[in-house]
């Protein structure tokens, strides 16, 4: 079993206590839930994946907050669960966790609401969109089947959940300010509490958050992500960032600059590969940018490159060169050249 980071407590200038609770959401991959005291009713932000030891780690962490930190509460006292975005490592634990909190009301941004309320439908539609995308990306049919298997491996244990409320950009609830930051996920929100910003997966201290093309899911894509980075950068006063993964951030604004530079470097890489190739597909560009990835990371790489190709195409830097083939066939791979 993985060695988890220690639980940490951060107290904001307004007196809100934020407990940062780690759990292993996938093998070797840690995410954080945040327990809030002093922001209205006792509130849990995110619930892990429900996969492997995730539920066990989160429940044990809640008990540690009570027993080791001296907070006088029971798990059943949690009245509100906020899901920062509709990715399974942040909401998949609802089935196992919410049963211990019978009075908890679940909230999520409206763009991710159906991920909870109509989960099976969402998975079917998203899988079909992903298959269509892989065909256009030039993925070998046999590889498509394997990648779809990886896509669905952790999703079978999740079912529908009732959503009690939704948040929108600019909403303020019990001292929490909700900032809608689509890109990594359609309904991604950051939550400002005094000088602390819960950044979820929008801003991480070490990793450049994964991007996928909007042609798979609306309100994702690099264009939305850049706009969301700029939105947070324009809001002054955040001195500490607590993400959904990795450690605390003492310079959110500097990290935004670094993340944007990382994506701009990837855009330059894509342009260079296309310039020196003969009408490459997204799959061929991916093979050159990420030649050593394996397993689920093959799919992540294909989506990441696709998001950058899509952005360059949207902004007129790339054009499709196999127009006659596209006109003739149902869904052939797209091939790109410099505009």
C-alpha atoms as a PDB file:
ATOM      1  CA  UNK A   1       0.000   0.000   0.000  1.00  0.00           C
ATOM      2  CA  UNK A   2       1.222   3.492  -0.851  1.00  0.00           C
ATOM      3  CA  UNK A   3       2.578   5.753   1.874  1.00  0.00           C
ATOM      4  CA  UNK A   4       0.196   8.692   1.984  1.00  0.00           C
ATOM      5  CA  UNK A   5       1.172  12.294   2.759  1.00  0.00           C
ATOM      6  CA  UNK A   6       0.267  13.569   6.210  1.00  0.00           C
ATOM      7  CA  UNK A   7      -3.037  15.291   6.824  1.00  0.00           C
ATOM      8  CA  UNK A   8      -2.532  19.055   7.037  1.00  0.00           C
ATOM      9  CA  UNK A   9      -4.689  21.834   8.486  1.00  0.00           C
ATOM     10  CA  UNK A  10      -4.754  25.375   7.115  1.00  0.00           C
ATOM     11  CA  UNK A  11      -6.665  28.173   8.847  1.00  0.00           C
ATOM     12  CA  UNK A  12      -7.710  31.142   6.724  1.00  0.00           C
ATOM     13  CA  UNK A  13      -7.653  34.764   7.857  1.00  0.00           C
ATOM     14  CA  UNK A  14     -11.408  34.500   8.384  1.00  0.00           C
ATOM     15  CA  UNK A  15     -11.058  31.497  10.677  1.00  0.00           C
ATOM     16  CA  UNK A  16     -12.107  28.733   8.289  1.00  0.00           C
ATOM     17  CA  UNK A  17     -10.223  25.495   8.955  1.00  0.00           C
ATOM     18  CA  UNK A  18      -9.319  23.467   5.875  1.00  0.00           C
ATOM     19  CA  UNK A  19      -8.189  19.891   6.474  1.00  0.00           C
ATOM     20  CA  UNK A  20      -6.375  18.327   3.544  1.00  0.00           C
ATOM     21  CA  UNK A  21      -7.006  14.562   3.463  1.00  0.00           C
ATOM     22  CA  UNK A  22      -5.062  12.303   1.052  1.00  0.00           C
ATOM     23  CA  UNK A  23      -6.334   9.096  -0.515  1.00  0.00           C
ATOM     24  CA  UNK A  24      -4.963   6.766  -3.171  1.00  0.00           C
ATOM     25  CA  UNK A  25      -7.463   7.126  -5.990  1.00  0.00           C
ATOM     26  CA  UNK A  26      -5.654   4.861  -8.473  1.00  0.00           C
ATOM     27  CA  UNK A  27      -2.582   2.671  -7.920  1.00  0.00           C
ATOM     28  CA  UNK A  28       0.258   5.018  -6.993  1.00  0.00           C
ATOM     29  CA  UNK A  29      -1.842   8.141  -7.623  1.00  0.00           C
ATOM     30  CA  UNK A  30      -2.936  10.356  -4.717  1.00  0.00           C
ATOM     31  CA  UNK A  31      -5.745  12.907  -4.607  1.00  0.00           C
ATOM     32  CA  UNK A  32      -6.903  15.193  -1.814  1.00  0.00           C
ATOM     33  CA  UNK A  33     -10.300  15.810  -0.291  1.00  0.00           C
ATOM     34  CA  UNK A  34     -10.771  18.935   1.822  1.00  0.00           C
ATOM     35  CA  UNK A  35     -12.887  19.114   4.978  1.00  0.00           C
ATOM     36  CA  UNK A  36     -14.087  22.620   5.837  1.00  0.00           C
ATOM     37  CA  UNK A  37     -14.967  23.856   9.318  1.00  0.00           C
ATOM     38  CA  UNK A  38     -16.436  27.351   9.531  1.00  0.00           C
ATOM     39  CA  UNK A  39     -17.731  27.711   5.963  1.00  0.00           C
ATOM     40  CA  UNK A  40     -21.374  27.129   6.794  1.00  0.00           C
ATOM     41  CA  UNK A  41     -22.419  23.547   7.532  1.00  0.00           C
ATOM     42  CA  UNK A  42     -19.636  20.977   7.803  1.00  0.00           C
ATOM     43  CA  UNK A  43     -18.510  20.550   4.204  1.00  0.00           C
ATOM     44  CA  UNK A  44     -16.447  17.944   2.356  1.00  0.00           C
ATOM     45  CA  UNK A  45     -14.909  18.977  -0.959  1.00  0.00           C
ATOM     46  CA  UNK A  46     -14.394  15.940  -3.249  1.00  0.00           C
ATOM     47  CA  UNK A  47     -14.587  12.290  -2.228  1.00  0.00           C
ATOM     48  CA  UNK A  48     -11.855  10.365  -4.056  1.00  0.00           C
ATOM     49  CA  UNK A  49     -12.444   7.698  -6.689  1.00  0.00           C
ATOM     50  CA  UNK A  50     -14.096   4.828  -4.835  1.00  0.00           C
ATOM     51  CA  UNK A  51     -11.461   2.621  -6.461  1.00  0.00           C
ATOM     52  CA  UNK A  52      -9.130   0.351  -4.483  1.00  0.00           C
ATOM     53  CA  UNK A  53      -8.366   1.816  -1.044  1.00  0.00           C
ATOM     54  CA  UNK A  54      -9.733   5.290  -1.803  1.00  0.00           C
ATOM     55  CA  UNK A  55     -12.841   5.093   0.417  1.00  0.00           C
ATOM     56  CA  UNK A  56     -10.869   3.471   3.222  1.00  0.00           C
ATOM     57  CA  UNK A  57      -8.233   6.206   3.132  1.00  0.00           C
ATOM     58  CA  UNK A  58     -10.778   9.027   3.118  1.00  0.00           C
ATOM     59  CA  UNK A  59     -12.845   7.632   5.987  1.00  0.00           C
ATOM     60  CA  UNK A  60      -9.700   6.967   8.020  1.00  0.00           C
ATOM     61  CA  UNK A  61      -8.561  10.522   7.302  1.00  0.00           C
ATOM     62  CA  UNK A  62     -11.837  11.942   8.576  1.00  0.00           C
ATOM     63  CA  UNK A  63     -11.427   9.920  11.767  1.00  0.00           C
ATOM     64  CA  UNK A  64      -7.881  11.258  12.127  1.00  0.00           C
ATOM     65  CA  UNK A  65      -9.185  14.824  11.941  1.00  0.00           C
ATOM     66  CA  UNK A  66     -11.461  13.983  14.857  1.00  0.00           C
ATOM     67  CA  UNK A  67      -9.111  11.846  16.949  1.00  0.00           C
ATOM     68  CA  UNK A  68      -5.692  13.418  16.312  1.00  0.00           C
ATOM     69  CA  UNK A  69      -6.637  17.043  15.632  1.00  0.00           C
ATOM     70  CA  UNK A  70      -9.357  17.181  18.273  1.00  0.00           C
ATOM     71  CA  UNK A  71     -12.260  18.313  16.100  1.00  0.00           C
ATOM     72  CA  UNK A  72     -15.536  17.384  17.771  1.00  0.00           C
ATOM     73  CA  UNK A  73     -17.598  15.860  14.979  1.00  0.00           C
ATOM     74  CA  UNK A  74     -18.814  12.570  13.569  1.00  0.00           C
ATOM     75  CA  UNK A  75     -18.617  11.636   9.900  1.00  0.00           C
ATOM     76  CA  UNK A  76     -22.420  11.623   9.846  1.00  0.00           C
ATOM     77  CA  UNK A  77     -22.339  15.336  10.784  1.00  0.00           C
ATOM     78  CA  UNK A  78     -21.104  16.307   7.312  1.00  0.00           C
ATOM     79  CA  UNK A  79     -24.010  18.189   5.756  1.00  0.00           C
ATOM     80  CA  UNK A  80     -22.643  19.145   2.361  1.00  0.00           C
ATOM     81  CA  UNK A  81     -20.475  17.505  -0.306  1.00  0.00           C
ATOM     82  CA  UNK A  82     -19.072  19.722  -3.049  1.00  0.00           C
ATOM     83  CA  UNK A  83     -17.620  18.066  -6.149  1.00  0.00           C
ATOM     84  CA  UNK A  84     -15.102  20.340  -7.862  1.00  0.00           C
ATOM     85  CA  UNK A  85     -15.452  18.642 -11.246  1.00  0.00           C
ATOM     86  CA  UNK A  86     -16.803  15.555 -12.937  1.00  0.00           C
ATOM     87  CA  UNK A  87     -13.692  13.380 -13.080  1.00  0.00           C
ATOM     88  CA  UNK A  88     -13.891  10.046 -11.377  1.00  0.00           C
ATOM     89  CA  UNK A  89     -10.918  10.547  -9.052  1.00  0.00           C
ATOM     90  CA  UNK A  90     -12.899  13.375  -7.439  1.00  0.00           C
ATOM     91  CA  UNK A  91     -16.485  12.069  -7.404  1.00  0.00           C
ATOM     92  CA  UNK A  92     -16.247   8.279  -7.821  1.00  0.00           C
ATOM     93  CA  UNK A  93     -16.214   7.738  -4.045  1.00  0.00           C
ATOM     94  CA  UNK A  94     -19.752   9.080  -3.626  1.00  0.00           C
ATOM     95  CA  UNK A  95     -21.296   5.624  -3.511  1.00  0.00           C
ATOM     96  CA  UNK A  96     -19.132   4.435  -0.622  1.00  0.00           C
ATOM     97  CA  UNK A  97     -18.680   7.744   1.198  1.00  0.00           C
ATOM     98  CA  UNK A  98     -22.103   9.409   1.044  1.00  0.00           C
ATOM     99  CA  UNK A  99     -23.775   6.494   2.837  1.00  0.00           C
ATOM    100  CA  UNK A 100     -21.848   7.526   5.949  1.00  0.00           C
ATOM    101  CA  UNK A 101     -23.269  11.062   5.616  1.00  0.00           C
ATOM    102  CA  UNK A 102     -27.023  10.495   5.252  1.00  0.00           C
ATOM    103  CA  UNK A 103     -27.949  14.178   5.508  1.00  0.00           C
ATOM    104  CA  UNK A 104     -25.294  15.492   3.120  1.00  0.00           C
ATOM    105  CA  UNK A 105     -26.492  17.444   0.075  1.00  0.00           C
ATOM    106  CA  UNK A 106     -24.348  17.087  -3.065  1.00  0.00           C
ATOM    107  CA  UNK A 107     -23.376  20.099  -5.169  1.00  0.00           C
ATOM    108  CA  UNK A 108     -21.566  20.435  -8.499  1.00  0.00           C
ATOM    109  CA  UNK A 109     -21.354  22.955 -11.350  1.00  0.00           C
ATOM    110  CA  UNK A 110     -24.290  22.697 -13.749  1.00  0.00           C
ATOM    111  CA  UNK A 111     -22.057  21.691 -16.687  1.00  0.00           C
ATOM    112  CA  UNK A 112     -21.030  18.547 -14.804  1.00  0.00           C
ATOM    113  CA  UNK A 113     -24.398  17.875 -13.197  1.00  0.00           C
ATOM    114  CA  UNK A 114     -25.383  15.096 -15.598  1.00  0.00           C
ATOM    115  CA  UNK A 115     -22.097  13.292 -14.886  1.00  0.00           C
ATOM    116  CA  UNK A 116     -23.656  12.570 -11.490  1.00  0.00           C
ATOM    117  CA  UNK A 117     -27.380  12.538 -12.257  1.00  0.00           C
ATOM    118  CA  UNK A 118     -27.191  10.553 -15.529  1.00  0.00           C
ATOM    119  CA  UNK A 119     -23.849   8.813 -15.220  1.00  0.00           C
ATOM    120  CA  UNK A 120     -24.532   5.775 -17.414  1.00  0.00           C
ATOM    121  CA  UNK A 121     -25.799   7.999 -20.236  1.00  0.00           C
ATOM    122  CA  UNK A 122     -22.753  10.238 -19.921  1.00  0.00           C
ATOM    123  CA  UNK A 123     -20.330   7.304 -20.152  1.00  0.00           C
ATOM    124  CA  UNK A 124     -22.047   5.892 -23.246  1.00  0.00           C
ATOM    125  CA  UNK A 125     -22.105   9.250 -25.041  1.00  0.00           C
ATOM    126  CA  UNK A 126     -18.513  10.076 -24.059  1.00  0.00           C
ATOM    127  CA  UNK A 127     -17.290   6.653 -25.174  1.00  0.00           C
ATOM    128  CA  UNK A 128     -18.935   7.104 -28.570  1.00  0.00           C
ATOM    129  CA  UNK A 129     -17.383  10.575 -28.912  1.00  0.00           C
ATOM    130  CA  UNK A 130     -13.985   9.177 -27.971  1.00  0.00           C
ATOM    131  CA  UNK A 131     -14.263   6.400 -30.562  1.00  0.00           C
ATOM    132  CA  UNK A 132     -15.153   8.963 -33.229  1.00  0.00           C
ATOM    133  CA  UNK A 133     -12.204  11.125 -32.156  1.00  0.00           C
ATOM    134  CA  UNK A 134      -9.749   8.210 -32.323  1.00  0.00           C
ATOM    135  CA  UNK A 135     -10.867   7.431 -35.860  1.00  0.00           C
ATOM    136  CA  UNK A 136     -10.213  11.033 -36.885  1.00  0.00           C
ATOM    137  CA  UNK A 137      -6.895  10.952 -35.035  1.00  0.00           C
ATOM    138  CA  UNK A 138      -5.725   7.988 -37.129  1.00  0.00           C
ATOM    139  CA  UNK A 139      -5.601   5.382 -34.363  1.00  0.00           C
ATOM    140  CA  UNK A 140      -5.323   1.773 -35.552  1.00  0.00           C
ATOM    141  CA  UNK A 141      -8.685  -0.062 -35.054  1.00  0.00           C
ATOM    142  CA  UNK A 142      -7.102  -2.719 -32.811  1.00  0.00           C
ATOM    143  CA  UNK A 143      -5.525  -0.011 -30.674  1.00  0.00           C
ATOM    144  CA  UNK A 144      -8.873   1.779 -30.448  1.00  0.00           C
ATOM    145  CA  UNK A 145     -10.406  -1.223 -28.688  1.00  0.00           C
ATOM    146  CA  UNK A 146      -7.573  -1.357 -26.155  1.00  0.00           C
ATOM    147  CA  UNK A 147      -7.737   2.375 -25.459  1.00  0.00           C
ATOM    148  CA  UNK A 148     -11.499   2.204 -24.928  1.00  0.00           C
ATOM    149  CA  UNK A 149     -10.880  -0.606 -22.445  1.00  0.00           C
ATOM    150  CA  UNK A 150      -8.457   1.634 -20.542  1.00  0.00           C
ATOM    151  CA  UNK A 151     -10.973   4.472 -20.665  1.00  0.00           C
ATOM    152  CA  UNK A 152     -13.662   2.363 -19.021  1.00  0.00           C
ATOM    153  CA  UNK A 153     -11.606   0.352 -16.522  1.00  0.00           C
ATOM    154  CA  UNK A 154     -12.432   2.471 -13.451  1.00  0.00           C
ATOM    155  CA  UNK A 155     -15.929   3.579 -14.391  1.00  0.00           C
ATOM    156  CA  UNK A 156     -18.025   0.467 -13.827  1.00  0.00           C
ATOM    157  CA  UNK A 157     -18.528   0.897 -10.060  1.00  0.00           C
ATOM    158  CA  UNK A 158     -20.165   4.319 -10.343  1.00  0.00           C
ATOM    159  CA  UNK A 159     -23.907   4.956 -10.579  1.00  0.00           C
ATOM    160  CA  UNK A 160     -26.283   7.923 -10.640  1.00  0.00           C
ATOM    161  CA  UNK A 161     -26.504  10.348  -7.708  1.00  0.00           C
ATOM    162  CA  UNK A 162     -29.028  13.022  -6.844  1.00  0.00           C
ATOM    163  CA  UNK A 163     -27.634  16.539  -7.124  1.00  0.00           C
ATOM    164  CA  UNK A 164     -29.002  18.840  -4.438  1.00  0.00           C
ATOM    165  CA  UNK A 165     -27.651  22.121  -5.794  1.00  0.00           C
ATOM    166  CA  UNK A 166     -25.476  23.537  -8.550  1.00  0.00           C
ATOM    167  CA  UNK A 167     -22.935  26.363  -8.551  1.00  0.00           C
ATOM    168  CA  UNK A 168     -22.291  29.011 -11.183  1.00  0.00           C
ATOM    169  CA  UNK A 169     -19.401  31.376 -11.781  1.00  0.00           C
ATOM    170  CA  UNK A 170     -19.343  34.130  -9.175  1.00  0.00           C
ATOM    171  CA  UNK A 171     -21.649  32.417  -6.695  1.00  0.00           C
ATOM    172  CA  UNK A 172     -20.837  33.049  -3.051  1.00  0.00           C
ATOM    173  CA  UNK A 173     -22.046  30.502  -0.510  1.00  0.00           C
ATOM    174  CA  UNK A 174     -21.120  30.694   3.179  1.00  0.00           C
ATOM    175  CA  UNK A 175     -17.957  32.651   2.447  1.00  0.00           C
ATOM    176  CA  UNK A 176     -16.910  30.399  -0.443  1.00  0.00           C
ATOM    177  CA  UNK A 177     -16.467  32.084  -3.825  1.00  0.00           C
ATOM    178  CA  UNK A 178     -16.951  29.804  -6.820  1.00  0.00           C
ATOM    179  CA  UNK A 179     -14.915  30.467  -9.958  1.00  0.00           C
ATOM    180  CA  UNK A 180     -15.905  28.487 -13.047  1.00  0.00           C
ATOM    181  CA  UNK A 181     -12.696  27.386 -14.770  1.00  0.00           C
ATOM    182  CA  UNK A 182     -13.553  25.082 -17.701  1.00  0.00           C
ATOM    183  CA  UNK A 183     -10.816  23.447 -19.749  1.00  0.00           C
ATOM    184  CA  UNK A 184      -9.567  20.445 -17.838  1.00  0.00           C
ATOM    185  CA  UNK A 185     -13.231  19.557 -17.263  1.00  0.00           C
ATOM    186  CA  UNK A 186     -16.442  21.355 -18.339  1.00  0.00           C
ATOM    187  CA  UNK A 187     -17.737  22.049 -14.835  1.00  0.00           C
ATOM    188  CA  UNK A 188     -14.405  22.574 -13.114  1.00  0.00           C
ATOM    189  CA  UNK A 189     -14.614  25.113 -10.290  1.00  0.00           C
ATOM    190  CA  UNK A 190     -12.036  26.696  -8.030  1.00  0.00           C
ATOM    191  CA  UNK A 191     -13.221  27.736  -4.572  1.00  0.00           C
ATOM    192  CA  UNK A 192     -11.902  30.880  -2.929  1.00  0.00           C
ATOM    193  CA  UNK A 193     -12.017  31.001   0.874  1.00  0.00           C
ATOM    194  CA  UNK A 194     -10.473  34.236   2.130  1.00  0.00           C
ATOM    195  CA  UNK A 195      -6.830  34.166   0.917  1.00  0.00           C
ATOM    196  CA  UNK A 196      -6.897  30.420   0.114  1.00  0.00           C
ATOM    197  CA  UNK A 197      -7.913  29.008  -3.266  1.00  0.00           C
ATOM    198  CA  UNK A 198      -8.928  25.377  -3.663  1.00  0.00           C
ATOM    199  CA  UNK A 199      -7.730  24.922  -7.235  1.00  0.00           C
ATOM    200  CA  UNK A 200      -8.877  21.306  -7.764  1.00  0.00           C
ATOM    201  CA  UNK A 201      -7.241  20.182 -11.046  1.00  0.00           C
ATOM    202  CA  UNK A 202      -7.215  23.602 -12.693  1.00  0.00           C
ATOM    203  CA  UNK A 203      -3.824  24.571 -11.248  1.00  0.00           C
ATOM    204  CA  UNK A 204      -1.358  22.030  -9.833  1.00  0.00           C
ATOM    205  CA  UNK A 205       2.115  22.763  -8.435  1.00  0.00           C
ATOM    206  CA  UNK A 206       4.126  20.196 -10.406  1.00  0.00           C
ATOM    207  CA  UNK A 207       1.956  18.751 -13.150  1.00  0.00           C
ATOM    208  CA  UNK A 208       0.555  20.632 -16.109  1.00  0.00           C
ATOM    209  CA  UNK A 209      -3.116  19.570 -15.882  1.00  0.00           C
ATOM    210  CA  UNK A 210      -4.255  17.218 -18.633  1.00  0.00           C
ATOM    211  CA  UNK A 211      -6.123  18.666 -21.599  1.00  0.00           C
ATOM    212  CA  UNK A 212      -8.435  16.958 -24.068  1.00  0.00           C
ATOM    213  CA  UNK A 213      -9.941  18.341 -27.282  1.00  0.00           C
ATOM    214  CA  UNK A 214     -13.338  19.993 -27.211  1.00  0.00           C
ATOM    215  CA  UNK A 215     -14.416  17.787 -30.100  1.00  0.00           C
ATOM    216  CA  UNK A 216     -14.757  15.009 -27.486  1.00  0.00           C
ATOM    217  CA  UNK A 217     -16.487  17.055 -24.762  1.00  0.00           C
ATOM    218  CA  UNK A 218     -17.804  20.617 -24.898  1.00  0.00           C
ATOM    219  CA  UNK A 219     -16.192  23.191 -22.600  1.00  0.00           C
ATOM    220  CA  UNK A 220     -12.885  21.321 -22.535  1.00  0.00           C
ATOM    221  CA  UNK A 221     -10.024  22.206 -24.855  1.00  0.00           C
ATOM    222  CA  UNK A 222      -6.975  24.415 -24.604  1.00  0.00           C
ATOM    223  CA  UNK A 223      -8.796  27.619 -25.550  1.00  0.00           C
ATOM    224  CA  UNK A 224     -11.176  27.329 -22.603  1.00  0.00           C
ATOM    225  CA  UNK A 225      -8.275  26.370 -20.353  1.00  0.00           C
ATOM    226  CA  UNK A 226      -6.214  29.440 -21.287  1.00  0.00           C
ATOM    227  CA  UNK A 227      -9.243  31.674 -20.668  1.00  0.00           C
ATOM    228  CA  UNK A 228      -9.737  30.056 -17.255  1.00  0.00           C
ATOM    229  CA  UNK A 229      -6.087  30.548 -16.313  1.00  0.00           C
ATOM    230  CA  UNK A 230      -6.429  34.210 -17.248  1.00  0.00           C
ATOM    231  CA  UNK A 231      -9.609  34.493 -15.174  1.00  0.00           C
ATOM    232  CA  UNK A 232      -7.871  33.316 -12.002  1.00  0.00           C
ATOM    233  CA  UNK A 233      -4.812  35.457 -12.758  1.00  0.00           C
ATOM    234  CA  UNK A 234      -7.034  38.556 -12.776  1.00  0.00           C
ATOM    235  CA  UNK A 235      -8.371  37.893  -9.254  1.00  0.00           C
ATOM    236  CA  UNK A 236      -5.899  39.279  -6.699  1.00  0.00           C
ATOM    237  CA  UNK A 237      -5.271  38.240  -3.128  1.00  0.00           C
ATOM    238  CA  UNK A 238      -4.816  34.478  -3.147  1.00  0.00           C
ATOM    239  CA  UNK A 239      -1.766  33.575  -1.080  1.00  0.00           C
ATOM    240  CA  UNK A 240      -2.148  29.785  -0.921  1.00  0.00           C
ATOM    241  CA  UNK A 241      -3.379  27.260  -3.457  1.00  0.00           C
ATOM    242  CA  UNK A 242      -4.541  23.777  -2.492  1.00  0.00           C
ATOM    243  CA  UNK A 243      -4.978  21.527  -5.508  1.00  0.00           C
ATOM    244  CA  UNK A 244      -6.654  18.190  -5.976  1.00  0.00           C
ATOM    245  CA  UNK A 245      -3.220  16.553  -6.266  1.00  0.00           C
ATOM    246  CA  UNK A 246       0.343  17.287  -5.129  1.00  0.00           C
ATOM    247  CA  UNK A 247       1.443  19.810  -2.520  1.00  0.00           C
ATOM    248  CA  UNK A 248       0.333  23.300  -1.487  1.00  0.00           C
ATOM    249  CA  UNK A 249       1.198  26.257  -3.736  1.00  0.00           C
ATOM    250  CA  UNK A 250       2.537  29.497  -2.274  1.00  0.00           C
ATOM    251  CA  UNK A 251       2.597  31.352  -5.608  1.00  0.00           C
ATOM    252  CA  UNK A 252      -0.522  30.605  -7.627  1.00  0.00           C
ATOM    253  CA  UNK A 253       0.066  33.465 -10.042  1.00  0.00           C
ATOM    254  CA  UNK A 254       3.622  32.408 -10.829  1.00  0.00           C
ATOM    255  CA  UNK A 255       2.415  28.866 -11.364  1.00  0.00           C
ATOM    256  CA  UNK A 256      -0.172  30.087 -13.873  1.00  0.00           C
ATOM    257  CA  UNK A 257       2.636  31.692 -15.890  1.00  0.00           C
ATOM    258  CA  UNK A 258       4.645  28.452 -15.800  1.00  0.00           C
ATOM    259  CA  UNK A 259       1.675  26.318 -16.890  1.00  0.00           C
ATOM    260  CA  UNK A 260       0.896  28.601 -19.792  1.00  0.00           C
ATOM    261  CA  UNK A 261       4.529  28.509 -20.920  1.00  0.00           C
ATOM    262  CA  UNK A 262       4.453  24.711 -20.803  1.00  0.00           C
ATOM    263  CA  UNK A 263       1.447  24.605 -23.122  1.00  0.00           C
ATOM    264  CA  UNK A 264       2.971  27.187 -25.441  1.00  0.00           C
ATOM    265  CA  UNK A 265       6.063  24.990 -25.678  1.00  0.00           C
ATOM    266  CA  UNK A 266       3.847  22.032 -26.639  1.00  0.00           C
ATOM    267  CA  UNK A 267       2.157  24.150 -29.288  1.00  0.00           C
ATOM    268  CA  UNK A 268       5.590  24.954 -30.719  1.00  0.00           C
ATOM    269  CA  UNK A 269       6.469  21.238 -30.678  1.00  0.00           C
ATOM    270  CA  UNK A 270       3.341  20.366 -32.630  1.00  0.00           C
ATOM    271  CA  UNK A 271       4.076  23.055 -35.201  1.00  0.00           C
ATOM    272  CA  UNK A 272       7.653  21.822 -35.616  1.00  0.00           C
ATOM    273  CA  UNK A 273       6.549  18.197 -36.091  1.00  0.00           C
ATOM    274  CA  UNK A 274       3.901  19.154 -38.644  1.00  0.00           C
ATOM    275  CA  UNK A 275       6.387  21.374 -40.477  1.00  0.00           C
ATOM    276  CA  UNK A 276       8.906  18.553 -40.888  1.00  0.00           C
ATOM    277  CA  UNK A 277       6.333  15.834 -41.696  1.00  0.00           C
ATOM    278  CA  UNK A 278       4.182  15.007 -44.687  1.00  0.00           C
ATOM    279  CA  UNK A 279       0.646  15.696 -43.494  1.00  0.00           C
ATOM    280  CA  UNK A 280       0.763  13.818 -40.169  1.00  0.00           C
ATOM    281  CA  UNK A 281      -2.271  12.594 -38.252  1.00  0.00           C
ATOM    282  CA  UNK A 282      -2.767  13.297 -34.548  1.00  0.00           C
ATOM    283  CA  UNK A 283      -1.622   9.748 -33.829  1.00  0.00           C
ATOM    284  CA  UNK A 284       1.611  10.308 -35.750  1.00  0.00           C
ATOM    285  CA  UNK A 285       2.249  13.598 -33.946  1.00  0.00           C
ATOM    286  CA  UNK A 286       1.593  11.843 -30.626  1.00  0.00           C
ATOM    287  CA  UNK A 287       4.072   9.079 -31.477  1.00  0.00           C
ATOM    288  CA  UNK A 288       6.795  11.699 -31.911  1.00  0.00           C
ATOM    289  CA  UNK A 289       5.937  13.776 -28.845  1.00  0.00           C
ATOM    290  CA  UNK A 290       5.338  10.853 -26.461  1.00  0.00           C
ATOM    291  CA  UNK A 291       7.215   7.815 -27.844  1.00  0.00           C
ATOM    292  CA  UNK A 292       7.518   5.894 -24.554  1.00  0.00           C
ATOM    293  CA  UNK A 293       4.066   6.069 -22.941  1.00  0.00           C
ATOM    294  CA  UNK A 294       2.202   2.881 -22.046  1.00  0.00           C
ATOM    295  CA  UNK A 295      -1.233   1.757 -20.879  1.00  0.00           C
ATOM    296  CA  UNK A 296      -3.716   4.464 -19.926  1.00  0.00           C
ATOM    297  CA  UNK A 297      -1.067   7.118 -20.583  1.00  0.00           C
ATOM    298  CA  UNK A 298      -1.278   6.322 -24.317  1.00  0.00           C
ATOM    299  CA  UNK A 299      -4.843   7.639 -24.279  1.00  0.00           C
ATOM    300  CA  UNK A 300      -3.884  10.664 -22.191  1.00  0.00           C
ATOM    301  CA  UNK A 301      -1.096  11.514 -24.643  1.00  0.00           C
ATOM    302  CA  UNK A 302      -3.439  11.174 -27.621  1.00  0.00           C
ATOM    303  CA  UNK A 303      -5.934  13.543 -25.987  1.00  0.00           C
ATOM    304  CA  UNK A 304      -3.243  16.003 -24.909  1.00  0.00           C
ATOM    305  CA  UNK A 305      -1.809  16.268 -28.419  1.00  0.00           C
ATOM    306  CA  UNK A 306      -5.307  16.451 -29.873  1.00  0.00           C
ATOM    307  CA  UNK A 307      -6.116  19.436 -27.663  1.00  0.00           C
ATOM    308  CA  UNK A 308      -3.051  21.292 -28.927  1.00  0.00           C
ATOM    309  CA  UNK A 309      -3.677  20.389 -32.575  1.00  0.00           C
ATOM    310  CA  UNK A 310      -7.288  21.524 -32.176  1.00  0.00           C
ATOM    311  CA  UNK A 311      -6.186  24.868 -30.696  1.00  0.00           C
ATOM    312  CA  UNK A 312      -3.766  25.496 -33.571  1.00  0.00           C
ATOM    313  CA  UNK A 313      -6.445  24.534 -36.104  1.00  0.00           C
ATOM    314  CA  UNK A 314      -9.019  26.801 -34.426  1.00  0.00           C
ATOM    315  CA  UNK A 315      -6.593  29.725 -34.567  1.00  0.00           C
ATOM    316  CA  UNK A 316      -5.681  29.212 -38.219  1.00  0.00           C
ATOM    317  CA  UNK A 317      -2.137  27.936 -37.739  1.00  0.00           C
ATOM    318  CA  UNK A 318      -2.911  24.470 -39.146  1.00  0.00           C
ATOM    319  CA  UNK A 319      -5.167  23.327 -41.975  1.00  0.00           C
ATOM    320  CA  UNK A 320      -6.394  19.911 -43.074  1.00  0.00           C
ATOM    321  CA  UNK A 321      -4.720  18.719 -46.274  1.00  0.00           C
ATOM    322  CA  UNK A 322      -6.658  15.532 -47.214  1.00  0.00           C
ATOM    323  CA  UNK A 323      -9.913  17.266 -48.135  1.00  0.00           C
ATOM    324  CA  UNK A 324     -10.810  14.915 -51.011  1.00  0.00           C
ATOM    325  CA  UNK A 325     -10.471  11.869 -48.754  1.00  0.00           C
ATOM    326  CA  UNK A 326     -12.653  13.539 -46.116  1.00  0.00           C
ATOM    327  CA  UNK A 327     -15.313  14.327 -48.717  1.00  0.00           C
ATOM    328  CA  UNK A 328     -15.238  10.763 -50.062  1.00  0.00           C
ATOM    329  CA  UNK A 329     -15.133   8.697 -46.846  1.00  0.00           C
ATOM    330  CA  UNK A 330     -17.280   8.641 -43.700  1.00  0.00           C
ATOM    331  CA  UNK A 331     -14.737   9.452 -40.997  1.00  0.00           C
ATOM    332  CA  UNK A 332     -11.146   9.249 -42.198  1.00  0.00           C
ATOM    333  CA  UNK A 333      -8.124  10.403 -40.237  1.00  0.00           C
ATOM    334  CA  UNK A 334      -7.407  14.111 -40.567  1.00  0.00           C
ATOM    335  CA  UNK A 335      -3.978  15.106 -41.844  1.00  0.00           C
ATOM    336  CA  UNK A 336      -2.516  18.507 -41.037  1.00  0.00           C
ATOM    337  CA  UNK A 337      -0.109  20.941 -42.645  1.00  0.00           C
ATOM    338  CA  UNK A 338       1.034  24.454 -41.741  1.00  0.00           C
ATOM    339  CA  UNK A 339      -1.458  27.097 -42.915  1.00  0.00           C
END
